Amino acid sequence: MAEIKIELEKNFDNLGPRMRKVVERATVRSLNIAIKSVRSQVQKAITEGVGVKRKDIIKRLWIFPADSGRLEAALNVNGAGVPLFKFDAKRTKVKTTRGVRYGVTAMIKGGRTFIPGGFLAEMKSGKVGVFERTGTDRLPIRQMFSNEVTDFLKNNSGFLPRIKDDANRKLQQNFDRDYLFYYRKEFGTSLG
């Protein structure tokens, strides 16, 4: 699991109560907007890098928003395996020197990968997945997953620092804008 945290270092000790309220609100709003932007960037990068649909990735990204008691926002990326069925899995038969073999192919790392002995099945709940037998009998079976999301985050070493730098830049831009907004709202005048 990867975590991206952003925070704005502000000292509220020497501010009056009304000004403290303005700065605090601007900070919270800026952090929350910036972390949503980070989520979109991470989601887009993982979708393009791994080859899974956006809706399957969004379930693995959690935002912990900032509030007045906690002036930091975080994005957690759950590294749990993505069901292999989400990688455009198809039933296939392959002719080998030993005869015909049945299995499943999936688009992993930009190419079709053959999984011998794998099969597609629909459960009673309506969920479809790629399964393999774990013993010599028909049962038990286990669902197959891919760890492409965690591999993508591990193998792209410059990805997370680049995202954090971009988030901090956006955070400062958002803070300047939100500070003016809340200042005008609280005091009824403009700066300068």
N, C-alpha and C. Protein backbone atom coordinates (compact mmCIF):
# COMPACT_ATOMS: atom_id res chain seq x y z
N MET A 1 0.85 -1.17 0.00
CA MET A 1 0.00 0.00 0.00
C MET A 1 0.90 1.23 0.00
N ALA A 2 0.62 2.12 -0.91
CA ALA A 2 1.37 3.37 -0.99
C ALA A 2 0.50 4.49 -0.42
N GLU A 3 1.17 5.47 0.17
CA GLU A 3 0.43 6.61 0.73
C GLU A 3 1.11 7.89 0.28
N ILE A 4 0.28 8.83 -0.14
CA ILE A 4 0.78 10.15 -0.54
C ILE A 4 0.14 11.16 0.41
N LYS A 5 0.97 11.87 1.16
CA LYS A 5 0.48 12.89 2.10
C LYS A 5 0.93 14.26 1.64
N ILE A 6 0.04 15.22 1.77
CA ILE A 6 0.43 16.60 1.52
C ILE A 6 -0.06 17.45 2.68
N GLU A 7 0.75 18.40 3.04
CA GLU A 7 0.38 19.31 4.12
C GLU A 7 1.00 20.67 3.86
N LEU A 8 0.36 21.69 4.40
CA LEU A 8 0.82 23.05 4.22
C LEU A 8 1.34 23.53 5.57
N GLU A 9 2.59 23.88 5.62
CA GLU A 9 3.21 24.31 6.87
C GLU A 9 2.85 25.77 7.13
N LYS A 10 1.93 25.99 8.03
CA LYS A 10 1.53 27.34 8.41
C LYS A 10 1.56 27.43 9.93
N ASN A 11 2.00 28.57 10.44
CA ASN A 11 2.04 28.80 11.87
C ASN A 11 0.86 29.72 12.22
N PHE A 12 -0.07 29.22 13.02
CA PHE A 12 -1.28 29.97 13.37
C PHE A 12 -1.17 30.66 14.72
N ASP A 13 -0.03 30.57 15.39
CA ASP A 13 0.09 31.06 16.76
C ASP A 13 -0.06 32.57 16.88
N ASN A 14 0.50 33.33 15.95
CA ASN A 14 0.49 34.79 16.09
C ASN A 14 -0.67 35.46 15.35
N LEU A 15 -1.69 34.69 14.97
CA LEU A 15 -2.84 35.26 14.26
C LEU A 15 -4.00 35.49 15.22
N GLY A 16 -4.80 36.51 14.92
CA GLY A 16 -6.02 36.74 15.67
C GLY A 16 -7.05 35.68 15.34
N PRO A 17 -8.15 35.61 16.10
CA PRO A 17 -9.12 34.54 15.88
C PRO A 17 -9.79 34.59 14.50
N ARG A 18 -10.10 35.79 14.01
CA ARG A 18 -10.75 35.89 12.69
C ARG A 18 -9.78 35.54 11.58
N MET A 19 -8.55 36.01 11.68
CA MET A 19 -7.55 35.72 10.66
C MET A 19 -7.18 34.23 10.70
N ARG A 20 -7.13 33.66 11.89
CA ARG A 20 -6.83 32.24 12.04
C ARG A 20 -7.90 31.40 11.33
N LYS A 21 -9.16 31.83 11.47
CA LYS A 21 -10.27 31.15 10.82
C LYS A 21 -10.13 31.21 9.30
N VAL A 22 -9.73 32.36 8.78
CA VAL A 22 -9.53 32.53 7.33
C VAL A 22 -8.44 31.61 6.83
N VAL A 23 -7.29 31.62 7.50
CA VAL A 23 -6.15 30.82 7.06
C VAL A 23 -6.46 29.32 7.18
N GLU A 24 -7.14 28.95 8.25
CA GLU A 24 -7.47 27.55 8.46
C GLU A 24 -8.42 27.03 7.38
N ARG A 25 -9.46 27.80 7.08
CA ARG A 25 -10.41 27.40 6.04
C ARG A 25 -9.74 27.31 4.68
N ALA A 26 -8.90 28.28 4.38
CA ALA A 26 -8.20 28.27 3.09
C ALA A 26 -7.27 27.07 2.99
N THR A 27 -6.62 26.74 4.09
CA THR A 27 -5.71 25.59 4.10
C THR A 27 -6.47 24.29 3.88
N VAL A 28 -7.58 24.11 4.59
CA VAL A 28 -8.36 22.88 4.47
C VAL A 28 -8.89 22.71 3.05
N ARG A 29 -9.45 23.78 2.51
CA ARG A 29 -10.01 23.69 1.16
C ARG A 29 -8.91 23.42 0.13
N SER A 30 -7.78 24.07 0.27
CA SER A 30 -6.67 23.88 -0.67
C SER A 30 -6.13 22.46 -0.62
N LEU A 31 -6.00 21.93 0.58
CA LEU A 31 -5.52 20.55 0.72
C LEU A 31 -6.47 19.56 0.06
N ASN A 32 -7.76 19.75 0.28
CA ASN A 32 -8.73 18.81 -0.26
C ASN A 32 -8.81 18.88 -1.79
N ILE A 33 -8.69 20.07 -2.34
CA ILE A 33 -8.68 20.20 -3.80
C ILE A 33 -7.40 19.57 -4.37
N ALA A 34 -6.29 19.79 -3.72
CA ALA A 34 -5.02 19.25 -4.21
C ALA A 34 -5.01 17.73 -4.14
N ILE A 35 -5.55 17.14 -3.08
CA ILE A 35 -5.52 15.68 -2.97
C ILE A 35 -6.45 15.03 -3.99
N LYS A 36 -7.54 15.71 -4.35
CA LYS A 36 -8.41 15.18 -5.40
C LYS A 36 -7.70 15.22 -6.75
N SER A 37 -6.91 16.24 -6.96
CA SER A 37 -6.12 16.33 -8.18
C SER A 37 -5.08 15.22 -8.22
N VAL A 38 -4.47 14.93 -7.10
CA VAL A 38 -3.48 13.85 -7.01
C VAL A 38 -4.15 12.52 -7.31
N ARG A 39 -5.36 12.32 -6.76
CA ARG A 39 -6.07 11.07 -7.03
C ARG A 39 -6.32 10.90 -8.53
N SER A 40 -6.72 11.97 -9.21
CA SER A 40 -6.96 11.88 -10.65
C SER A 40 -5.68 11.54 -11.40
N GLN A 41 -4.57 12.15 -11.02
CA GLN A 41 -3.30 11.88 -11.69
C GLN A 41 -2.85 10.43 -11.47
N VAL A 42 -2.95 9.96 -10.24
CA VAL A 42 -2.54 8.59 -9.93
C VAL A 42 -3.43 7.60 -10.66
N GLN A 43 -4.73 7.87 -10.64
CA GLN A 43 -5.68 6.99 -11.32
C GLN A 43 -5.39 6.92 -12.82
N LYS A 44 -5.12 8.05 -13.43
CA LYS A 44 -4.83 8.08 -14.86
C LYS A 44 -3.53 7.35 -15.17
N ALA A 45 -2.51 7.58 -14.35
CA ALA A 45 -1.21 6.94 -14.59
C ALA A 45 -1.29 5.43 -14.43
N ILE A 46 -1.98 4.96 -13.40
CA ILE A 46 -2.12 3.52 -13.19
C ILE A 46 -2.94 2.90 -14.30
N THR A 47 -4.01 3.57 -14.71
CA THR A 47 -4.86 3.05 -15.79
C THR A 47 -4.06 2.88 -17.07
N GLU A 48 -3.26 3.89 -17.42
CA GLU A 48 -2.46 3.81 -18.64
C GLU A 48 -1.32 2.81 -18.49
N GLY A 49 -0.70 2.77 -17.33
CA GLY A 49 0.46 1.91 -17.13
C GLY A 49 0.12 0.44 -16.99
N VAL A 50 -1.01 0.14 -16.36
CA VAL A 50 -1.37 -1.25 -16.08
C VAL A 50 -2.31 -1.81 -17.15
N GLY A 51 -3.20 -0.98 -17.68
CA GLY A 51 -4.13 -1.45 -18.70
C GLY A 51 -5.46 -1.93 -18.15
N VAL A 52 -5.88 -1.37 -17.03
CA VAL A 52 -7.17 -1.72 -16.43
C VAL A 52 -8.07 -0.50 -16.56
N LYS A 53 -9.37 -0.72 -16.56
CA LYS A 53 -10.32 0.39 -16.68
C LYS A 53 -10.26 1.26 -15.43
N ARG A 54 -10.62 2.54 -15.61
CA ARG A 54 -10.58 3.50 -14.52
C ARG A 54 -11.46 3.09 -13.35
N LYS A 55 -12.64 2.55 -13.65
CA LYS A 55 -13.57 2.20 -12.58
C LYS A 55 -13.02 1.09 -11.68
N ASP A 56 -12.11 0.27 -12.21
CA ASP A 56 -11.52 -0.78 -11.40
C ASP A 56 -10.38 -0.25 -10.51
N ILE A 57 -9.78 0.86 -10.91
CA ILE A 57 -8.70 1.46 -10.13
C ILE A 57 -9.25 2.38 -9.04
N ILE A 58 -10.34 3.09 -9.32
CA ILE A 58 -10.86 4.07 -8.36
C ILE A 58 -11.25 3.39 -7.05
N LYS A 59 -11.61 2.11 -7.09
CA LYS A 59 -11.98 1.38 -5.88
C LYS A 59 -10.77 1.17 -4.97
N ARG A 60 -9.57 1.31 -5.50
CA ARG A 60 -8.36 1.06 -4.74
C ARG A 60 -7.68 2.34 -4.26
N LEU A 61 -8.31 3.49 -4.48
CA LEU A 61 -7.76 4.78 -4.06
C LEU A 61 -8.68 5.40 -3.02
N TRP A 62 -8.13 5.66 -1.83
CA TRP A 62 -8.91 6.25 -0.75
C TRP A 62 -8.33 7.60 -0.38
N ILE A 63 -9.22 8.57 -0.26
CA ILE A 63 -8.81 9.91 0.16
C ILE A 63 -9.16 10.09 1.63
N PHE A 64 -8.22 10.60 2.39
CA PHE A 64 -8.46 11.03 3.77
C PHE A 64 -8.38 12.55 3.76
N PRO A 65 -9.53 13.23 3.71
CA PRO A 65 -9.52 14.69 3.54
C PRO A 65 -9.05 15.42 4.80
N ALA A 66 -8.63 16.64 4.58
CA ALA A 66 -8.22 17.51 5.68
C ALA A 66 -9.46 18.11 6.33
N ASP A 67 -9.33 18.46 7.59
CA ASP A 67 -10.36 19.24 8.27
C ASP A 67 -9.66 20.17 9.25
N SER A 68 -10.43 20.94 9.99
CA SER A 68 -9.82 21.96 10.85
C SER A 68 -8.96 21.36 11.95
N GLY A 69 -9.23 20.13 12.34
CA GLY A 69 -8.42 19.47 13.37
C GLY A 69 -7.20 18.75 12.82
N ARG A 70 -7.21 18.47 11.54
CA ARG A 70 -6.11 17.72 10.92
C ARG A 70 -5.77 18.40 9.60
N LEU A 71 -4.74 19.19 9.61
CA LEU A 71 -4.38 20.00 8.45
C LEU A 71 -3.42 19.25 7.52
N GLU A 72 -3.83 18.05 7.13
CA GLU A 72 -3.11 17.30 6.12
C GLU A 72 -4.12 16.40 5.41
N ALA A 73 -3.87 16.14 4.16
CA ALA A 73 -4.72 15.25 3.37
C ALA A 73 -3.85 14.11 2.88
N ALA A 74 -4.45 12.94 2.73
CA ALA A 74 -3.68 11.77 2.31
C ALA A 74 -4.47 10.97 1.29
N LEU A 75 -3.73 10.31 0.43
CA LEU A 75 -4.29 9.39 -0.56
C LEU A 75 -3.62 8.04 -0.36
N ASN A 76 -4.41 7.01 -0.08
CA ASN A 76 -3.88 5.66 0.07
C ASN A 76 -4.19 4.87 -1.19
N VAL A 77 -3.20 4.17 -1.69
CA VAL A 77 -3.36 3.31 -2.85
C VAL A 77 -3.29 1.87 -2.35
N ASN A 78 -4.41 1.17 -2.42
CA ASN A 78 -4.48 -0.21 -1.97
C ASN A 78 -3.82 -1.10 -3.00
N GLY A 79 -2.86 -1.86 -2.59
CA GLY A 79 -2.11 -2.71 -3.51
C GLY A 79 -2.68 -4.11 -3.65
N ALA A 80 -3.92 -4.32 -3.18
CA ALA A 80 -4.51 -5.65 -3.31
C ALA A 80 -4.62 -6.03 -4.77
N GLY A 81 -4.54 -7.30 -5.04
CA GLY A 81 -4.56 -7.78 -6.41
C GLY A 81 -5.86 -7.44 -7.13
N VAL A 82 -5.72 -7.14 -8.40
CA VAL A 82 -6.87 -6.89 -9.27
C VAL A 82 -7.27 -8.23 -9.87
N PRO A 83 -8.56 -8.57 -9.86
CA PRO A 83 -8.96 -9.84 -10.47
C PRO A 83 -8.47 -9.94 -11.91
N LEU A 84 -7.95 -11.09 -12.26
CA LEU A 84 -7.39 -11.29 -13.60
C LEU A 84 -8.43 -11.10 -14.69
N PHE A 85 -9.69 -11.28 -14.35
CA PHE A 85 -10.75 -11.09 -15.34
C PHE A 85 -10.79 -9.65 -15.86
N LYS A 86 -10.36 -8.69 -15.06
CA LYS A 86 -10.37 -7.28 -15.44
C LYS A 86 -9.34 -6.97 -16.52
N PHE A 87 -8.43 -7.90 -16.79
CA PHE A 87 -7.39 -7.71 -17.80
C PHE A 87 -7.80 -8.34 -19.13
N ASP A 88 -9.06 -8.19 -19.49
CA ASP A 88 -9.59 -8.67 -20.77
C ASP A 88 -9.27 -10.16 -20.97
N ALA A 89 -9.69 -10.97 -19.99
CA ALA A 89 -9.41 -12.41 -20.02
C ALA A 89 -10.33 -13.10 -21.03
N LYS A 90 -9.76 -14.07 -21.76
CA LYS A 90 -10.52 -14.83 -22.75
C LYS A 90 -10.12 -16.30 -22.68
N ARG A 91 -11.11 -17.16 -22.90
CA ARG A 91 -10.85 -18.59 -22.94
C ARG A 91 -10.12 -18.91 -24.24
N THR A 92 -9.10 -19.78 -24.15
CA THR A 92 -8.27 -20.05 -25.31
C THR A 92 -7.86 -21.52 -25.33
N LYS A 93 -7.63 -22.02 -26.53
CA LYS A 93 -6.99 -23.33 -26.62
C LYS A 93 -5.74 -23.18 -27.47
N VAL A 94 -4.69 -23.84 -27.04
CA VAL A 94 -3.39 -23.73 -27.68
C VAL A 94 -2.96 -25.12 -28.12
N LYS A 95 -2.50 -25.23 -29.35
CA LYS A 95 -1.99 -26.51 -29.84
C LYS A 95 -0.50 -26.61 -29.49
N THR A 96 -0.14 -27.65 -28.81
CA THR A 96 1.26 -27.90 -28.46
C THR A 96 1.68 -29.25 -29.02
N THR A 97 2.92 -29.61 -28.80
CA THR A 97 3.39 -30.91 -29.28
C THR A 97 2.74 -32.06 -28.52
N ARG A 98 2.23 -31.77 -27.33
CA ARG A 98 1.58 -32.80 -26.52
C ARG A 98 0.07 -32.82 -26.74
N GLY A 99 -0.42 -32.01 -27.66
CA GLY A 99 -1.86 -31.97 -27.93
C GLY A 99 -2.41 -30.59 -27.67
N VAL A 100 -3.72 -30.55 -27.55
CA VAL A 100 -4.41 -29.27 -27.33
C VAL A 100 -4.47 -28.99 -25.83
N ARG A 101 -4.13 -27.77 -25.46
CA ARG A 101 -4.22 -27.34 -24.05
C ARG A 101 -5.21 -26.21 -23.95
N TYR A 102 -6.01 -26.23 -22.90
CA TYR A 102 -7.00 -25.19 -22.69
C TYR A 102 -6.53 -24.29 -21.56
N GLY A 103 -6.93 -23.05 -21.64
CA GLY A 103 -6.57 -22.10 -20.60
C GLY A 103 -7.21 -20.75 -20.86
N VAL A 104 -6.62 -19.74 -20.27
CA VAL A 104 -7.12 -18.37 -20.37
C VAL A 104 -5.95 -17.47 -20.75
N THR A 105 -6.23 -16.47 -21.58
CA THR A 105 -5.22 -15.45 -21.86
C THR A 105 -5.71 -14.13 -21.28
N ALA A 106 -4.78 -13.31 -20.86
CA ALA A 106 -5.11 -11.99 -20.31
C ALA A 106 -4.06 -10.99 -20.78
N MET A 107 -4.47 -9.74 -20.94
CA MET A 107 -3.55 -8.67 -21.36
C MET A 107 -2.76 -8.18 -20.15
N ILE A 108 -1.59 -8.74 -19.95
CA ILE A 108 -0.74 -8.35 -18.83
C ILE A 108 0.56 -7.81 -19.40
N LYS A 109 0.95 -6.63 -18.95
CA LYS A 109 2.19 -5.97 -19.38
C LYS A 109 2.25 -5.79 -20.89
N GLY A 110 1.12 -5.39 -21.46
CA GLY A 110 1.08 -5.03 -22.87
C GLY A 110 0.96 -6.18 -23.84
N GLY A 111 0.95 -7.42 -23.38
CA GLY A 111 0.83 -8.56 -24.27
C GLY A 111 -0.05 -9.63 -23.67
N ARG A 112 -0.56 -10.50 -24.50
CA ARG A 112 -1.41 -11.59 -24.01
C ARG A 112 -0.55 -12.65 -23.34
N THR A 113 -0.92 -13.01 -22.13
CA THR A 113 -0.23 -14.03 -21.36
C THR A 113 -1.14 -15.24 -21.22
N PHE A 114 -0.63 -16.41 -21.53
CA PHE A 114 -1.41 -17.65 -21.44
C PHE A 114 -1.30 -18.22 -20.04
N ILE A 115 -2.46 -18.55 -19.45
CA ILE A 115 -2.51 -19.17 -18.12
C ILE A 115 -3.04 -20.58 -18.32
N PRO A 116 -2.14 -21.60 -18.33
CA PRO A 116 -2.60 -22.96 -18.59
C PRO A 116 -3.46 -23.48 -17.43
N GLY A 117 -4.53 -24.15 -17.78
CA GLY A 117 -5.40 -24.73 -16.76
C GLY A 117 -6.38 -23.74 -16.15
N GLY A 118 -6.27 -22.48 -16.52
CA GLY A 118 -7.20 -21.48 -16.00
C GLY A 118 -8.52 -21.57 -16.74
N PHE A 119 -9.59 -21.14 -16.07
CA PHE A 119 -10.89 -21.13 -16.72
C PHE A 119 -11.72 -19.98 -16.20
N LEU A 120 -12.68 -19.54 -17.03
CA LEU A 120 -13.60 -18.49 -16.66
C LEU A 120 -14.83 -19.13 -16.05
N ALA A 121 -15.33 -18.55 -14.97
CA ALA A 121 -16.53 -19.07 -14.33
C ALA A 121 -17.32 -17.93 -13.73
N GLU A 122 -18.63 -18.13 -13.70
CA GLU A 122 -19.52 -17.15 -13.07
C GLU A 122 -20.04 -17.75 -11.78
N MET A 123 -19.91 -16.98 -10.69
CA MET A 123 -20.36 -17.47 -9.40
C MET A 123 -21.87 -17.23 -9.25
N LYS A 124 -22.45 -17.76 -8.20
CA LYS A 124 -23.88 -17.57 -7.96
C LYS A 124 -24.22 -16.10 -7.77
N SER A 125 -23.28 -15.33 -7.27
CA SER A 125 -23.51 -13.91 -7.05
C SER A 125 -23.53 -13.11 -8.36
N GLY A 126 -23.13 -13.74 -9.47
CA GLY A 126 -23.08 -13.07 -10.76
C GLY A 126 -21.70 -12.54 -11.10
N LYS A 127 -20.77 -12.67 -10.17
CA LYS A 127 -19.41 -12.20 -10.38
C LYS A 127 -18.66 -13.20 -11.26
N VAL A 128 -17.95 -12.69 -12.26
CA VAL A 128 -17.19 -13.53 -13.17
C VAL A 128 -15.72 -13.40 -12.82
N GLY A 129 -14.98 -14.49 -12.92
CA GLY A 129 -13.56 -14.44 -12.60
C GLY A 129 -12.79 -15.52 -13.32
N VAL A 130 -11.47 -15.43 -13.22
CA VAL A 130 -10.57 -16.44 -13.74
C VAL A 130 -10.15 -17.31 -12.55
N PHE A 131 -10.32 -18.61 -12.70
CA PHE A 131 -10.04 -19.53 -11.60
C PHE A 131 -9.07 -20.60 -12.06
N GLU A 132 -8.45 -21.26 -11.07
CA GLU A 132 -7.62 -22.43 -11.35
C GLU A 132 -7.90 -23.46 -10.26
N ARG A 133 -7.70 -24.70 -10.60
CA ARG A 133 -7.89 -25.77 -9.63
C ARG A 133 -6.62 -25.89 -8.77
N THR A 134 -6.82 -26.08 -7.48
CA THR A 134 -5.67 -26.16 -6.58
C THR A 134 -5.30 -27.60 -6.26
N GLY A 135 -6.19 -28.52 -6.57
CA GLY A 135 -5.89 -29.93 -6.31
C GLY A 135 -6.08 -30.74 -7.58
N THR A 136 -6.14 -32.04 -7.41
CA THR A 136 -6.34 -32.91 -8.56
C THR A 136 -7.82 -33.13 -8.85
N ASP A 137 -8.68 -32.84 -7.89
CA ASP A 137 -10.11 -33.00 -8.08
C ASP A 137 -10.71 -31.72 -8.65
N ARG A 138 -12.03 -31.75 -8.85
CA ARG A 138 -12.72 -30.57 -9.38
C ARG A 138 -12.65 -29.40 -8.40
N LEU A 139 -12.74 -29.72 -7.14
CA LEU A 139 -12.68 -28.69 -6.10
C LEU A 139 -11.49 -28.98 -5.20
N PRO A 140 -10.88 -28.08 -4.56
CA PRO A 140 -11.18 -26.65 -4.49
C PRO A 140 -10.58 -25.88 -5.68
N ILE A 141 -11.16 -24.71 -5.88
CA ILE A 141 -10.65 -23.79 -6.90
C ILE A 141 -10.31 -22.48 -6.21
N ARG A 142 -9.45 -21.68 -6.85
CA ARG A 142 -9.13 -20.37 -6.29
C ARG A 142 -9.13 -19.35 -7.42
N GLN A 143 -9.56 -18.15 -7.06
CA GLN A 143 -9.58 -17.07 -8.04
C GLN A 143 -8.17 -16.52 -8.23
N MET A 144 -7.86 -16.12 -9.45
CA MET A 144 -6.52 -15.63 -9.77
C MET A 144 -6.55 -14.09 -9.81
N PHE A 145 -5.50 -13.49 -9.27
CA PHE A 145 -5.36 -12.04 -9.21
C PHE A 145 -4.03 -11.63 -9.83
N SER A 146 -3.94 -10.37 -10.17
CA SER A 146 -2.69 -9.81 -10.67
C SER A 146 -2.24 -8.72 -9.71
N ASN A 147 -0.95 -8.62 -9.49
CA ASN A 147 -0.41 -7.58 -8.62
C ASN A 147 0.22 -6.46 -9.45
N GLU A 148 -0.36 -6.16 -10.59
CA GLU A 148 0.17 -5.15 -11.50
C GLU A 148 0.20 -3.75 -10.87
N VAL A 149 -0.79 -3.42 -10.04
CA VAL A 149 -0.86 -2.07 -9.45
C VAL A 149 0.34 -1.82 -8.55
N THR A 150 0.63 -2.77 -7.67
CA THR A 150 1.77 -2.58 -6.76
C THR A 150 3.09 -2.63 -7.54
N ASP A 151 3.17 -3.50 -8.55
CA ASP A 151 4.38 -3.54 -9.38
C ASP A 151 4.60 -2.23 -10.10
N PHE A 152 3.52 -1.64 -10.59
CA PHE A 152 3.62 -0.36 -11.29
C PHE A 152 4.18 0.72 -10.37
N LEU A 153 3.67 0.77 -9.13
CA LEU A 153 4.14 1.79 -8.19
C LEU A 153 5.58 1.53 -7.75
N LYS A 154 5.97 0.28 -7.61
CA LYS A 154 7.34 -0.04 -7.20
C LYS A 154 8.35 0.22 -8.30
N ASN A 155 7.99 -0.14 -9.53
CA ASN A 155 8.94 -0.05 -10.64
C ASN A 155 9.13 1.36 -11.18
N ASN A 156 8.19 2.25 -10.95
CA ASN A 156 8.31 3.63 -11.40
C ASN A 156 8.77 4.48 -10.22
N SER A 157 10.06 4.47 -9.97
CA SER A 157 10.60 5.12 -8.77
C SER A 157 10.41 6.64 -8.79
N GLY A 158 10.40 7.27 -9.94
CA GLY A 158 10.24 8.72 -10.00
C GLY A 158 8.79 9.16 -10.00
N PHE A 159 7.86 8.22 -10.01
CA PHE A 159 6.45 8.56 -10.12
C PHE A 159 5.91 9.28 -8.88
N LEU A 160 6.08 8.68 -7.71
CA LEU A 160 5.52 9.28 -6.49
C LEU A 160 6.16 10.62 -6.14
N PRO A 161 7.49 10.79 -6.21
CA PRO A 161 8.05 12.12 -5.94
C PRO A 161 7.56 13.19 -6.92
N ARG A 162 7.39 12.81 -8.18
CA ARG A 162 6.89 13.76 -9.17
C ARG A 162 5.45 14.18 -8.84
N ILE A 163 4.64 13.22 -8.41
CA ILE A 163 3.25 13.51 -8.04
C ILE A 163 3.21 14.42 -6.81
N LYS A 164 4.09 14.16 -5.83
CA LYS A 164 4.12 14.99 -4.62
C LYS A 164 4.54 16.42 -4.94
N ASP A 165 5.54 16.58 -5.80
CA ASP A 165 5.98 17.92 -6.19
C ASP A 165 4.86 18.68 -6.89
N ASP A 166 4.18 18.00 -7.78
CA ASP A 166 3.07 18.62 -8.50
C ASP A 166 1.94 18.99 -7.53
N ALA A 167 1.68 18.12 -6.56
CA ALA A 167 0.64 18.38 -5.57
C ALA A 167 0.99 19.60 -4.72
N ASN A 168 2.24 19.72 -4.31
CA ASN A 168 2.64 20.88 -3.50
C ASN A 168 2.55 22.18 -4.29
N ARG A 169 2.87 22.13 -5.58
CA ARG A 169 2.75 23.31 -6.42
C ARG A 169 1.27 23.74 -6.54
N LYS A 170 0.40 22.77 -6.80
CA LYS A 170 -1.03 23.06 -6.91
C LYS A 170 -1.60 23.53 -5.57
N LEU A 171 -1.09 22.95 -4.50
CA LEU A 171 -1.54 23.34 -3.17
C LEU A 171 -1.26 24.81 -2.90
N GLN A 172 -0.08 25.28 -3.26
CA GLN A 172 0.26 26.68 -3.04
C GLN A 172 -0.61 27.60 -3.90
N GLN A 173 -0.85 27.21 -5.15
CA GLN A 173 -1.73 28.01 -6.02
C GLN A 173 -3.14 28.07 -5.44
N ASN A 174 -3.65 26.92 -5.02
CA ASN A 174 -5.00 26.88 -4.45
C ASN A 174 -5.08 27.68 -3.17
N PHE A 175 -4.03 27.61 -2.35
CA PHE A 175 -4.06 28.34 -1.08
C PHE A 175 -4.14 29.84 -1.33
N ASP A 176 -3.36 30.35 -2.27
CA ASP A 176 -3.39 31.78 -2.56
C ASP A 176 -4.80 32.21 -2.98
N ARG A 177 -5.42 31.44 -3.84
CA ARG A 177 -6.77 31.77 -4.32
C ARG A 177 -7.78 31.67 -3.18
N ASP A 178 -7.74 30.58 -2.40
CA ASP A 178 -8.71 30.37 -1.34
C ASP A 178 -8.52 31.36 -0.20
N TYR A 179 -7.29 31.76 0.05
CA TYR A 179 -7.03 32.76 1.09
C TYR A 179 -7.74 34.07 0.73
N LEU A 180 -7.60 34.51 -0.51
CA LEU A 180 -8.28 35.74 -0.94
C LEU A 180 -9.79 35.60 -0.81
N PHE A 181 -10.32 34.45 -1.20
CA PHE A 181 -11.76 34.22 -1.12
C PHE A 181 -12.26 34.33 0.32
N TYR A 182 -11.63 33.62 1.23
CA TYR A 182 -12.09 33.63 2.64
C TYR A 182 -11.79 34.96 3.32
N TYR A 183 -10.73 35.62 2.92
CA TYR A 183 -10.43 36.93 3.49
C TYR A 183 -11.54 37.92 3.13
N ARG A 184 -11.91 37.94 1.86
CA ARG A 184 -12.99 38.83 1.42
C ARG A 184 -14.31 38.47 2.07
N LYS A 185 -14.54 37.21 2.26
CA LYS A 185 -15.79 36.75 2.88
C LYS A 185 -15.85 37.16 4.35
N GLU A 186 -14.72 37.08 5.05
CA GLU A 186 -14.70 37.40 6.49
C GLU A 186 -14.66 38.90 6.76
N PHE A 187 -13.84 39.62 6.00
CA PHE A 187 -13.64 41.04 6.28
C PHE A 187 -14.39 41.96 5.34
N GLY A 188 -14.91 41.45 4.25
CA GLY A 188 -15.71 42.25 3.34
C GLY A 188 -14.92 43.21 2.47
N THR A 189 -13.62 43.14 2.47
CA THR A 189 -12.81 44.03 1.65
C THR A 189 -11.77 43.21 0.92
N SER A 190 -11.07 43.86 0.02
CA SER A 190 -9.99 43.16 -0.67
C SER A 190 -8.66 43.54 -0.02
N LEU A 191 -7.66 42.76 -0.30
CA LEU A 191 -6.32 43.06 0.19
C LEU A 191 -5.72 44.19 -0.63
N GLY A 192 -5.05 45.09 0.00
CA GLY A 192 -4.30 46.11 -0.72
C GLY A 192 -5.18 47.14 -1.26
